Amino acid sequence: MAYERDNINGDMVGAQEFMELAQKFEVRGVPRTVVNSSKFIDGGLPERQFLERVLELARSQD
């Protein structure tokens, strides 16, 4: 998604190398996708389900 849209950022972080980030986002397993710094998707999903979940989380209010 980040390749296609300028308003989406994507980073991959190694939890062993960046322990502070892993603790901040409570990483317990991989993959863990963080949406808007406060919502999460744990585990792998098929592409369509992943996109739907990201959009759902991005639209939701805290």
Protein backbone atom coordinates (compact mmCIF):
# COMPACT_ATOMS: atom_id res chain seq x y z
CA MET A 1 0.00 0.00 0.00
CA ALA A 2 2.84 2.39 0.83
CA TYR A 3 4.23 1.98 -2.70
CA GLU A 4 0.92 3.06 -4.20
CA ARG A 5 -0.05 5.98 -1.93
CA ASP A 6 2.04 8.89 -0.67
CA ASN A 7 -0.08 9.26 2.47
CA ILE A 8 0.71 5.72 3.66
CA ASN A 9 4.00 4.90 5.35
CA GLY A 10 5.33 1.41 5.63
CA ASP A 11 8.32 0.28 7.68
CA MET A 12 9.56 -3.13 8.64
CA VAL A 13 11.32 -3.34 11.99
CA GLY A 14 13.23 -6.23 13.47
CA ALA A 15 11.95 -6.63 17.04
CA GLN A 16 15.28 -8.04 18.23
CA GLU A 17 17.17 -5.04 16.87
CA PHE A 18 14.68 -2.36 17.95
CA MET A 19 13.50 -3.54 21.34
CA GLU A 20 12.12 -0.14 22.35
CA LEU A 21 9.72 -0.14 19.40
CA ALA A 22 8.80 -3.76 20.06
CA GLN A 23 7.93 -2.85 23.64
CA LYS A 24 6.08 0.33 22.64
CA PHE A 25 3.83 -1.59 20.23
CA GLU A 26 3.66 -4.70 22.47
CA VAL A 27 5.04 -7.05 19.82
CA ARG A 28 4.59 -10.64 20.97
CA GLY A 29 4.68 -12.33 17.57
CA VAL A 30 5.18 -11.56 13.94
CA PRO A 31 3.91 -10.17 11.78
CA ARG A 32 2.29 -7.36 13.74
CA THR A 33 0.92 -4.52 11.64
CA VAL A 34 0.42 -1.19 13.37
CA VAL A 35 -2.28 1.11 11.99
CA ASN A 36 -2.28 4.78 13.04
CA SER A 37 0.10 3.99 15.92
CA SER A 38 -2.69 2.55 18.07
CA LYS A 39 -4.44 -0.32 16.29
CA PHE A 40 -2.99 -3.69 15.38
CA ILE A 41 -3.31 -6.66 13.07
CA ASP A 42 -1.57 -9.77 14.33
CA GLY A 43 -0.56 -12.62 12.07
CA GLY A 44 -0.64 -12.99 8.34
CA LEU A 45 -3.82 -12.59 6.32
CA PRO A 46 -4.61 -13.08 2.64
CA GLU A 47 -4.10 -9.80 0.77
CA ARG A 48 -7.78 -8.90 0.35
CA GLN A 49 -8.62 -9.59 4.02
CA PHE A 50 -5.56 -7.61 5.10
CA LEU A 51 -6.61 -4.61 3.00
CA GLU A 52 -10.17 -4.75 4.34
CA ARG A 53 -8.92 -4.93 7.93
CA VAL A 54 -6.48 -2.02 7.47
CA LEU A 55 -9.23 0.13 5.96
CA GLU A 56 -11.62 -0.80 8.78
CA LEU A 57 -9.06 0.14 11.41
CA ALA A 58 -8.08 3.35 9.64
CA ARG A 59 -11.72 4.48 9.53
CA SER A 60 -12.52 3.60 13.14
CA GLN A 61 -12.35 6.14 15.94
CA ASP A 62 -10.42 5.52 19.15
